[in-house]
Amino acid sequence: MSVEIELDLAKAEKDWNKFRKKVINQIRQDDILGNTKALFEDLATYYSDGGLNVIGALTNQLNGTLDQLHQIDTFGTSSVYGDNKSKAVEDLKTFLDELISNLEDVEDLNDEIENSIFDAIDKAQDAFDDQVDTFEHISDVLDHNVKLVKMLYGE
């Protein structure tokens, strides 16, 4: 039950992050750094030290359920499931599926963060290229003007 509460709270935190990004912080789609920061906040939902820690809670639950299955195999009963091995296996599968789903979400967030960082680098590179083009244009105009002055007035 504590894992289910942790999952519900994590979902609520992710929904809050989405709301905060859109309504409170008003991060535009083209705000690469703002979107990257929001992605990091979503990632923290999965691995928080002081608060929610979905991955840790699911891992602990899986280990606990495996321990209960080991107790059933060894002693014929466990402290949580009694002799109901099928319920323990069902819970193990449920929490394993949830852990896999969350880890896939983490992988997707990592990919989005990586792409966002590369987008920021590309955007900065484009801005530098534009600046270099502007300086080259200014240099060309100055060279042209120098040639005109030389043609009109000589050396």
C-alpha atoms as a PDB file:
ATOM      1  CA  MET A   1       0.000   0.000   0.000  1.00  0.00           C
ATOM      2  CA  SER A   2       2.840   2.412   0.742  1.00  0.00           C
ATOM      3  CA  VAL A   3       4.183   1.838  -2.776  1.00  0.00           C
ATOM      4  CA  GLU A   4       0.786   2.621  -4.271  1.00  0.00           C
ATOM      5  CA  ILE A   5       0.673   5.846  -2.243  1.00  0.00           C
ATOM      6  CA  GLU A   6       4.199   6.662  -3.430  1.00  0.00           C
ATOM      7  CA  LEU A   7       3.131   6.051  -7.046  1.00  0.00           C
ATOM      8  CA  ASP A   8       0.040   8.232  -6.633  1.00  0.00           C
ATOM      9  CA  LEU A   9       2.104  11.023  -5.076  1.00  0.00           C
ATOM     10  CA  ALA A  10       4.685  10.740  -7.853  1.00  0.00           C
ATOM     11  CA  LYS A  11       1.960  11.015 -10.480  1.00  0.00           C
ATOM     12  CA  ALA A  12       0.551  14.048  -8.668  1.00  0.00           C
ATOM     13  CA  GLU A  13       4.033  15.610  -8.559  1.00  0.00           C
ATOM     14  CA  LYS A  14       4.520  15.011 -12.293  1.00  0.00           C
ATOM     15  CA  ASP A  15       1.123  16.576 -12.984  1.00  0.00           C
ATOM     16  CA  TRP A  16       2.089  19.540 -10.770  1.00  0.00           C
ATOM     17  CA  ASN A  17       5.390  19.934 -12.652  1.00  0.00           C
ATOM     18  CA  LYS A  18       3.495  19.970 -15.945  1.00  0.00           C
ATOM     19  CA  PHE A  19       1.037  22.568 -14.608  1.00  0.00           C
ATOM     20  CA  ARG A  20       3.843  24.705 -13.143  1.00  0.00           C
ATOM     21  CA  LYS A  21       5.758  24.596 -16.437  1.00  0.00           C
ATOM     22  CA  LYS A  22       2.756  25.628 -18.498  1.00  0.00           C
ATOM     23  CA  VAL A  23       0.779  27.998 -16.249  1.00  0.00           C
ATOM     24  CA  ILE A  24       3.044  29.359 -13.519  1.00  0.00           C
ATOM     25  CA  ASN A  25       6.431  29.517 -15.262  1.00  0.00           C
ATOM     26  CA  GLN A  26       4.851  29.941 -18.727  1.00  0.00           C
ATOM     27  CA  ILE A  27       7.718  28.183 -20.426  1.00  0.00           C
ATOM     28  CA  ARG A  28       7.380  28.551 -24.178  1.00  0.00           C
ATOM     29  CA  GLN A  29       7.987  25.656 -26.541  1.00  0.00           C
ATOM     30  CA  ASP A  30      11.073  27.392 -27.956  1.00  0.00           C
ATOM     31  CA  ASP A  31      12.592  28.045 -24.492  1.00  0.00           C
ATOM     32  CA  ILE A  32      15.179  25.284 -24.636  1.00  0.00           C
ATOM     33  CA  LEU A  33      16.771  25.884 -21.242  1.00  0.00           C
ATOM     34  CA  GLY A  34      13.414  26.355 -19.495  1.00  0.00           C
ATOM     35  CA  ASN A  35      12.138  23.094 -20.970  1.00  0.00           C
ATOM     36  CA  THR A  36      15.353  21.307 -20.002  1.00  0.00           C
ATOM     37  CA  LYS A  37      14.998  22.535 -16.423  1.00  0.00           C
ATOM     38  CA  ALA A  38      11.400  21.265 -16.380  1.00  0.00           C
ATOM     39  CA  LEU A  39      12.597  17.878 -17.660  1.00  0.00           C
ATOM     40  CA  PHE A  40      15.154  17.700 -14.845  1.00  0.00           C
ATOM     41  CA  GLU A  41      12.364  18.455 -12.347  1.00  0.00           C
ATOM     42  CA  ASP A  42      10.359  15.571 -13.825  1.00  0.00           C
ATOM     43  CA  LEU A  43      13.408  13.327 -13.573  1.00  0.00           C
ATOM     44  CA  ALA A  44      13.792  14.243  -9.885  1.00  0.00           C
ATOM     45  CA  THR A  45      10.299  12.817  -9.338  1.00  0.00           C
ATOM     46  CA  TYR A  46      11.746   9.367  -9.933  1.00  0.00           C
ATOM     47  CA  TYR A  47      14.903   9.720  -7.815  1.00  0.00           C
ATOM     48  CA  SER A  48      14.272  12.161  -4.978  1.00  0.00           C
ATOM     49  CA  ASP A  49      16.481  11.906  -1.902  1.00  0.00           C
ATOM     50  CA  GLY A  50      14.333  13.669   0.651  1.00  0.00           C
ATOM     51  CA  GLY A  51      10.820  13.090  -0.663  1.00  0.00           C
ATOM     52  CA  LEU A  52       9.387  10.825  -3.292  1.00  0.00           C
ATOM     53  CA  ASN A  53      11.550   8.108  -4.743  1.00  0.00           C
ATOM     54  CA  VAL A  54       9.433   5.970  -7.044  1.00  0.00           C
ATOM     55  CA  ILE A  55      12.278   3.817  -8.339  1.00  0.00           C
ATOM     56  CA  GLY A  56      13.577   3.153  -4.818  1.00  0.00           C
ATOM     57  CA  ALA A  57      10.116   2.388  -3.453  1.00  0.00           C
ATOM     58  CA  LEU A  58       9.349  -0.052  -6.262  1.00  0.00           C
ATOM     59  CA  THR A  59      12.747  -1.715  -5.894  1.00  0.00           C
ATOM     60  CA  ASN A  60      12.218  -2.104  -2.137  1.00  0.00           C
ATOM     61  CA  GLN A  61       8.730  -3.499  -2.752  1.00  0.00           C
ATOM     62  CA  LEU A  62      10.069  -6.018  -5.258  1.00  0.00           C
ATOM     63  CA  ASN A  63      12.788  -7.102  -2.834  1.00  0.00           C
ATOM     64  CA  GLY A  64      10.219  -7.425  -0.044  1.00  0.00           C
ATOM     65  CA  THR A  65       7.893  -9.476  -2.214  1.00  0.00           C
ATOM     66  CA  LEU A  66      10.784 -11.696  -3.297  1.00  0.00           C
ATOM     67  CA  ASP A  67      11.618 -12.175   0.389  1.00  0.00           C
ATOM     68  CA  GLN A  68       8.000 -13.158   1.078  1.00  0.00           C
ATOM     69  CA  LEU A  69       8.137 -15.676  -1.787  1.00  0.00           C
ATOM     70  CA  HIS A  70      11.378 -17.055  -0.355  1.00  0.00           C
ATOM     71  CA  GLN A  71       9.649 -17.440   3.050  1.00  0.00           C
ATOM     72  CA  ILE A  72       6.761 -19.312   1.410  1.00  0.00           C
ATOM     73  CA  ASP A  73       9.189 -21.617  -0.411  1.00  0.00           C
ATOM     74  CA  THR A  74      11.269 -22.218   2.711  1.00  0.00           C
ATOM     75  CA  PHE A  75       8.668 -22.338   5.486  1.00  0.00           C
ATOM     76  CA  GLY A  76       5.399 -22.860   3.594  1.00  0.00           C
ATOM     77  CA  THR A  77       4.085 -19.495   4.815  1.00  0.00           C
ATOM     78  CA  SER A  78       5.103 -15.866   4.987  1.00  0.00           C
ATOM     79  CA  SER A  79       4.338 -12.960   7.285  1.00  0.00           C
ATOM     80  CA  VAL A  80       2.409 -11.037   4.628  1.00  0.00           C
ATOM     81  CA  TYR A  81       0.938 -13.562   2.184  1.00  0.00           C
ATOM     82  CA  GLY A  82       0.524 -16.579   4.411  1.00  0.00           C
ATOM     83  CA  ASP A  83       0.564 -19.546   2.032  1.00  0.00           C
ATOM     84  CA  ASN A  84      -0.943 -17.584  -0.897  1.00  0.00           C
ATOM     85  CA  LYS A  85       1.987 -17.855  -3.296  1.00  0.00           C
ATOM     86  CA  SER A  86      -0.103 -16.937  -6.335  1.00  0.00           C
ATOM     87  CA  LYS A  87      -0.999 -13.540  -4.791  1.00  0.00           C
ATOM     88  CA  ALA A  88       2.674 -12.900  -4.023  1.00  0.00           C
ATOM     89  CA  VAL A  89       3.642 -13.753  -7.611  1.00  0.00           C
ATOM     90  CA  GLU A  90       0.809 -11.552  -8.921  1.00  0.00           C
ATOM     91  CA  ASP A  91       2.010  -8.634  -6.774  1.00  0.00           C
ATOM     92  CA  LEU A  92       5.587  -9.266  -7.883  1.00  0.00           C
ATOM     93  CA  LYS A  93       4.520  -9.085 -11.539  1.00  0.00           C
ATOM     94  CA  THR A  94       2.446  -5.939 -10.935  1.00  0.00           C
ATOM     95  CA  PHE A  95       5.288  -4.093  -9.212  1.00  0.00           C
ATOM     96  CA  LEU A  96       7.847  -5.346 -11.733  1.00  0.00           C
ATOM     97  CA  ASP A  97       5.694  -4.044 -14.604  1.00  0.00           C
ATOM     98  CA  GLU A  98       5.350  -0.716 -12.782  1.00  0.00           C
ATOM     99  CA  LEU A  99       9.113  -0.512 -12.227  1.00  0.00           C
ATOM    100  CA  ILE A 100       9.805  -1.296 -15.895  1.00  0.00           C
ATOM    101  CA  SER A 101       7.284   1.355 -16.954  1.00  0.00           C
ATOM    102  CA  ASN A 102       8.893   3.953 -14.688  1.00  0.00           C
ATOM    103  CA  LEU A 103      12.385   3.068 -15.877  1.00  0.00           C
ATOM    104  CA  GLU A 104      11.200   3.443 -19.479  1.00  0.00           C
ATOM    105  CA  ASP A 105       9.830   6.878 -18.524  1.00  0.00           C
ATOM    106  CA  VAL A 106      13.217   7.748 -17.028  1.00  0.00           C
ATOM    107  CA  GLU A 107      14.951   6.636 -20.218  1.00  0.00           C
ATOM    108  CA  ASP A 108      12.567   8.785 -22.294  1.00  0.00           C
ATOM    109  CA  LEU A 109      13.259  11.774 -20.031  1.00  0.00           C
ATOM    110  CA  ASN A 110      17.004  11.213 -20.375  1.00  0.00           C
ATOM    111  CA  ASP A 111      16.624  11.157 -24.166  1.00  0.00           C
ATOM    112  CA  GLU A 112      14.548  14.358 -24.088  1.00  0.00           C
ATOM    113  CA  ILE A 113      17.117  16.065 -21.850  1.00  0.00           C
ATOM    114  CA  GLU A 114      19.953  14.985 -24.145  1.00  0.00           C
ATOM    115  CA  ASN A 115      18.087  16.226 -27.218  1.00  0.00           C
ATOM    116  CA  SER A 116      17.244  19.469 -25.463  1.00  0.00           C
ATOM    117  CA  ILE A 117      20.887  20.080 -24.585  1.00  0.00           C
ATOM    118  CA  PHE A 118      21.962  19.368 -28.163  1.00  0.00           C
ATOM    119  CA  ASP A 119      19.218  21.727 -29.383  1.00  0.00           C
ATOM    120  CA  ALA A 120      20.602  24.436 -27.092  1.00  0.00           C
ATOM    121  CA  ILE A 121      24.112  23.855 -28.449  1.00  0.00           C
ATOM    122  CA  ASP A 122      22.812  23.969 -32.033  1.00  0.00           C
ATOM    123  CA  LYS A 123      20.895  27.179 -31.311  1.00  0.00           C
ATOM    124  CA  ALA A 124      24.004  28.779 -29.782  1.00  0.00           C
ATOM    125  CA  GLN A 125      26.104  27.636 -32.749  1.00  0.00           C
ATOM    126  CA  ASP A 126      23.561  29.151 -35.150  1.00  0.00           C
ATOM    127  CA  ALA A 127      23.685  32.433 -33.228  1.00  0.00           C
ATOM    128  CA  PHE A 128      27.495  32.452 -33.405  1.00  0.00           C
ATOM    129  CA  ASP A 129      27.357  31.675 -37.130  1.00  0.00           C
ATOM    130  CA  ASP A 130      24.931  34.574 -37.638  1.00  0.00           C
ATOM    131  CA  GLN A 131      27.239  36.871 -35.686  1.00  0.00           C
ATOM    132  CA  VAL A 132      30.257  35.785 -37.739  1.00  0.00           C
ATOM    133  CA  ASP A 133      28.264  36.362 -40.944  1.00  0.00           C
ATOM    134  CA  THR A 134      27.356  39.849 -39.722  1.00  0.00           C
ATOM    135  CA  PHE A 135      30.988  40.654 -38.923  1.00  0.00           C
ATOM    136  CA  GLU A 136      32.063  39.356 -42.348  1.00  0.00           C
ATOM    137  CA  HIS A 137      29.406  41.527 -43.986  1.00  0.00           C
ATOM    138  CA  ILE A 138      30.632  44.581 -42.044  1.00  0.00           C
ATOM    139  CA  SER A 139      34.206  43.762 -43.027  1.00  0.00           C
ATOM    140  CA  ASP A 140      33.175  43.436 -46.694  1.00  0.00           C
ATOM    141  CA  VAL A 141      31.369  46.803 -46.546  1.00  0.00           C
ATOM    142  CA  LEU A 142      34.408  48.455 -44.945  1.00  0.00           C
ATOM    143  CA  ASP A 143      36.743  46.923 -47.552  1.00  0.00           C
ATOM    144  CA  HIS A 144      34.455  48.164 -50.302  1.00  0.00           C
ATOM    145  CA  ASN A 145      34.373  51.655 -48.778  1.00  0.00           C
ATOM    146  CA  VAL A 146      38.188  51.697 -48.471  1.00  0.00           C
ATOM    147  CA  LYS A 147      38.451  50.752 -52.163  1.00  0.00           C
ATOM    148  CA  LEU A 148      36.008  53.536 -53.077  1.00  0.00           C
ATOM    149  CA  VAL A 149      37.970  56.103 -51.071  1.00  0.00           C
ATOM    150  CA  LYS A 150      41.216  54.958 -52.754  1.00  0.00           C
ATOM    151  CA  MET A 151      39.586  55.204 -56.171  1.00  0.00           C
ATOM    152  CA  LEU A 152      38.260  58.697 -55.450  1.00  0.00           C
ATOM    153  CA  TYR A 153      41.194  60.176 -53.549  1.00  0.00           C
ATOM    154  CA  GLY A 154      44.058  57.802 -54.191  1.00  0.00           C
ATOM    155  CA  GLU A 155      46.348  56.415 -51.560  1.00  0.00           C
END
